[in-house]
Amino acid sequence: MSDVREERDDDIEAVRQMLTAAFESDAEARLVDALRSTHAWMPEFSVVAEENGEVVAFALLSRIMIGGETGLALGPVAVLPDRQKQGLGAEVIKDALRRATEAGERLVLVLGDPAYYKRFGFVPAAPFGIISDWSSAGDAWQVLALNKVKARYPSPWRNL
């Protein structure tokens, strides 16, 4: 059983090493390092799974803008190569999304495998008119609504 929790300062190097091991390059590790020093970094949404004192999985939600509204980007998500296919990635994703929902966040975008991310409720973003540099990825460009958004109609509508 893993302990899923917010990343601590003493996890930073372990997260960096895990990201480098989990991906073909150090690009994701460099991305996380760069985000740490920006307004997009939200430490409460940097989640790790730890087992026997070792960080084995990681998920990050960072601040983005969607139109004129704030939102979150999910990624990177990583699991140590020898621990993959054991549900650890799902654990850290679910915990990060739970934290964001409880904090009142509204939307999360992700670029990833639709077959994997649909289990969390993600759907293709293009039908909602959400575009970015990754829109050309087709259905891999996905969105998840975390909290309801109330539509407000002008008073004449209430007279119907």
Protein backbone atom coordinates (compact mmCIF):
# COMPACT_ATOMS: atom_id res chain seq x y z
CA MET A 1 0.00 0.00 0.00
CA SER A 2 1.35 3.38 -0.94
CA ASP A 3 1.14 6.65 0.95
CA VAL A 4 -0.24 9.28 -1.45
CA ARG A 5 0.56 12.80 -0.31
CA GLU A 6 1.65 16.28 -1.29
CA GLU A 7 5.23 16.46 -2.48
CA ARG A 8 7.71 17.75 0.13
CA ASP A 9 10.93 19.68 -0.45
CA ASP A 10 12.96 16.57 0.30
CA ASP A 11 11.17 14.72 -2.55
CA ILE A 12 12.36 17.06 -5.30
CA GLU A 13 15.44 15.06 -6.30
CA ALA A 14 13.57 11.74 -6.17
CA VAL A 15 10.83 13.19 -8.39
CA ARG A 16 13.46 14.47 -10.83
CA GLN A 17 15.14 11.06 -11.00
CA MET A 18 11.80 9.26 -11.43
CA LEU A 19 10.75 11.57 -14.27
CA THR A 20 14.06 10.99 -16.02
CA ALA A 21 13.73 7.22 -15.61
CA ALA A 22 10.08 7.12 -16.71
CA PHE A 23 10.49 9.11 -19.94
CA GLU A 24 12.83 8.87 -22.92
CA SER A 25 14.54 12.15 -22.06
CA ASP A 26 14.83 14.59 -19.20
CA ALA A 27 12.34 17.01 -20.81
CA GLU A 28 9.59 16.31 -18.25
CA ALA A 29 12.05 16.70 -15.35
CA ARG A 30 13.20 20.02 -16.80
CA LEU A 31 9.57 21.11 -17.23
CA VAL A 32 8.79 20.42 -13.57
CA ASP A 33 11.98 22.17 -12.45
CA ALA A 34 11.07 25.22 -14.55
CA LEU A 35 7.46 25.30 -13.30
CA ARG A 36 8.62 25.32 -9.67
CA SER A 37 9.80 28.92 -10.00
CA THR A 38 6.70 30.31 -11.73
CA HIS A 39 3.22 31.46 -10.72
CA ALA A 40 1.93 28.23 -12.32
CA TRP A 41 3.44 26.11 -9.54
CA MET A 42 0.86 25.05 -6.97
CA PRO A 43 2.57 22.85 -4.39
CA GLU A 44 -0.74 21.52 -3.05
CA PHE A 45 -1.30 19.88 -6.45
CA SER A 46 2.10 18.19 -6.71
CA VAL A 47 1.32 14.66 -5.56
CA VAL A 48 3.57 11.67 -4.93
CA ALA A 49 3.03 8.06 -3.96
CA GLU A 50 5.63 6.75 -1.53
CA GLU A 51 6.31 3.14 -0.60
CA ASN A 52 8.87 2.12 2.00
CA GLY A 53 10.43 5.58 1.92
CA GLU A 54 10.76 5.64 -1.89
CA VAL A 55 8.84 7.97 -4.20
CA VAL A 56 7.31 5.63 -6.79
CA ALA A 57 4.75 7.82 -8.61
CA PHE A 58 4.08 11.49 -9.31
CA ALA A 59 1.31 13.67 -10.76
CA LEU A 60 1.31 17.42 -11.18
CA LEU A 61 -1.45 19.93 -11.75
CA SER A 62 -0.19 23.41 -12.62
CA ARG A 63 -1.97 26.69 -13.29
CA ILE A 64 -2.94 27.62 -16.85
CA MET A 65 -5.37 30.05 -18.41
CA ILE A 66 -8.32 28.84 -20.49
CA GLY A 67 -9.72 31.85 -22.23
CA GLY A 68 -10.04 34.43 -19.47
CA GLU A 69 -10.50 31.83 -16.73
CA THR A 70 -8.00 29.92 -14.65
CA GLY A 71 -7.65 26.19 -15.11
CA LEU A 72 -5.14 23.43 -14.53
CA ALA A 73 -2.90 21.27 -16.69
CA LEU A 74 -2.31 17.66 -15.67
CA GLY A 75 1.20 16.49 -16.33
CA PRO A 76 3.61 15.14 -16.15
CA VAL A 77 2.43 11.91 -14.59
CA ALA A 78 5.12 9.32 -13.95
CA VAL A 79 5.69 5.97 -12.27
CA LEU A 80 9.04 4.28 -11.76
CA PRO A 81 9.49 1.87 -14.68
CA ASP A 82 9.63 -1.25 -12.50
CA ARG A 83 6.41 -0.19 -10.70
CA GLN A 84 4.25 0.59 -13.73
CA LYS A 85 0.98 -1.23 -14.46
CA GLN A 86 0.17 -1.50 -10.73
CA GLY A 87 -2.31 1.38 -10.42
CA LEU A 88 0.13 3.86 -8.91
CA GLY A 89 -0.36 6.40 -11.70
CA ALA A 90 -4.12 6.25 -11.19
CA GLU A 91 -3.65 6.76 -7.44
CA VAL A 92 -1.70 9.99 -7.80
CA ILE A 93 -3.97 11.30 -10.57
CA LYS A 94 -7.12 10.63 -8.53
CA ASP A 95 -5.61 12.32 -5.49
CA ALA A 96 -4.49 15.38 -7.47
CA LEU A 97 -7.95 15.68 -9.07
CA ARG A 98 -9.63 15.28 -5.66
CA ARG A 99 -7.48 18.08 -4.24
CA ALA A 100 -8.33 20.34 -7.18
CA THR A 101 -12.05 19.59 -6.90
CA GLU A 102 -12.06 20.34 -3.18
CA ALA A 103 -10.20 23.60 -3.86
CA GLY A 104 -12.98 24.68 -6.22
CA GLU A 105 -10.97 24.40 -9.44
CA ARG A 106 -13.12 24.07 -12.53
CA LEU A 107 -11.23 22.63 -15.51
CA VAL A 108 -8.24 20.39 -16.13
CA LEU A 109 -6.59 19.84 -19.50
CA VAL A 110 -4.33 16.91 -20.35
CA LEU A 111 -2.46 15.67 -23.39
CA GLY A 112 -2.42 11.89 -23.19
CA ASP A 113 -3.85 8.55 -24.20
CA PRO A 114 -7.65 8.89 -24.41
CA ALA A 115 -8.12 5.22 -23.51
CA TYR A 116 -6.26 5.81 -20.24
CA TYR A 117 -7.59 9.23 -19.24
CA LYS A 118 -11.26 8.54 -19.96
CA ARG A 119 -11.40 6.50 -16.73
CA PHE A 120 -10.98 9.79 -14.86
CA GLY A 121 -13.70 11.51 -16.89
CA PHE A 122 -11.59 13.29 -19.49
CA VAL A 123 -13.14 13.85 -22.91
CA PRO A 124 -11.76 15.39 -26.13
CA ALA A 125 -11.36 19.15 -25.72
CA ALA A 126 -11.82 20.16 -29.37
CA PRO A 127 -15.65 19.92 -29.38
CA PHE A 128 -15.66 22.55 -26.62
CA GLY A 129 -13.57 24.94 -28.69
CA ILE A 130 -10.57 24.67 -26.37
CA ILE A 131 -7.43 25.10 -28.43
CA SER A 132 -3.73 25.27 -27.68
CA ASP A 133 -0.39 24.34 -29.18
CA TRP A 134 -1.46 20.69 -28.70
CA SER A 135 -4.88 20.87 -30.36
CA SER A 136 -3.52 19.03 -33.39
CA ALA A 137 -3.13 15.93 -31.20
CA GLY A 138 -6.80 15.16 -31.82
CA ASP A 139 -8.57 13.18 -29.12
CA ALA A 140 -5.40 13.09 -27.01
CA TRP A 141 -6.08 16.77 -26.23
CA GLN A 142 -8.62 16.37 -23.41
CA VAL A 143 -10.59 18.28 -20.80
CA LEU A 144 -12.25 17.42 -17.49
CA ALA A 145 -14.81 19.60 -15.73
CA LEU A 146 -14.26 19.29 -11.97
CA ASN A 147 -17.03 21.47 -10.60
CA LYS A 148 -20.33 22.66 -11.95
CA VAL A 149 -20.53 26.10 -13.45
CA LYS A 150 -23.84 27.90 -13.12
CA ALA A 151 -25.26 29.66 -16.16
CA ARG A 152 -26.94 32.96 -15.30
CA TYR A 153 -29.68 34.20 -17.60
CA PRO A 154 -31.04 37.76 -17.57
CA SER A 155 -34.31 38.26 -15.67
CA PRO A 156 -36.63 38.10 -18.73
CA TRP A 157 -35.82 34.39 -19.01
CA ARG A 158 -37.41 33.77 -15.63
CA ASN A 159 -40.77 34.93 -16.99
CA LEU A 160 -41.17 31.99 -19.38
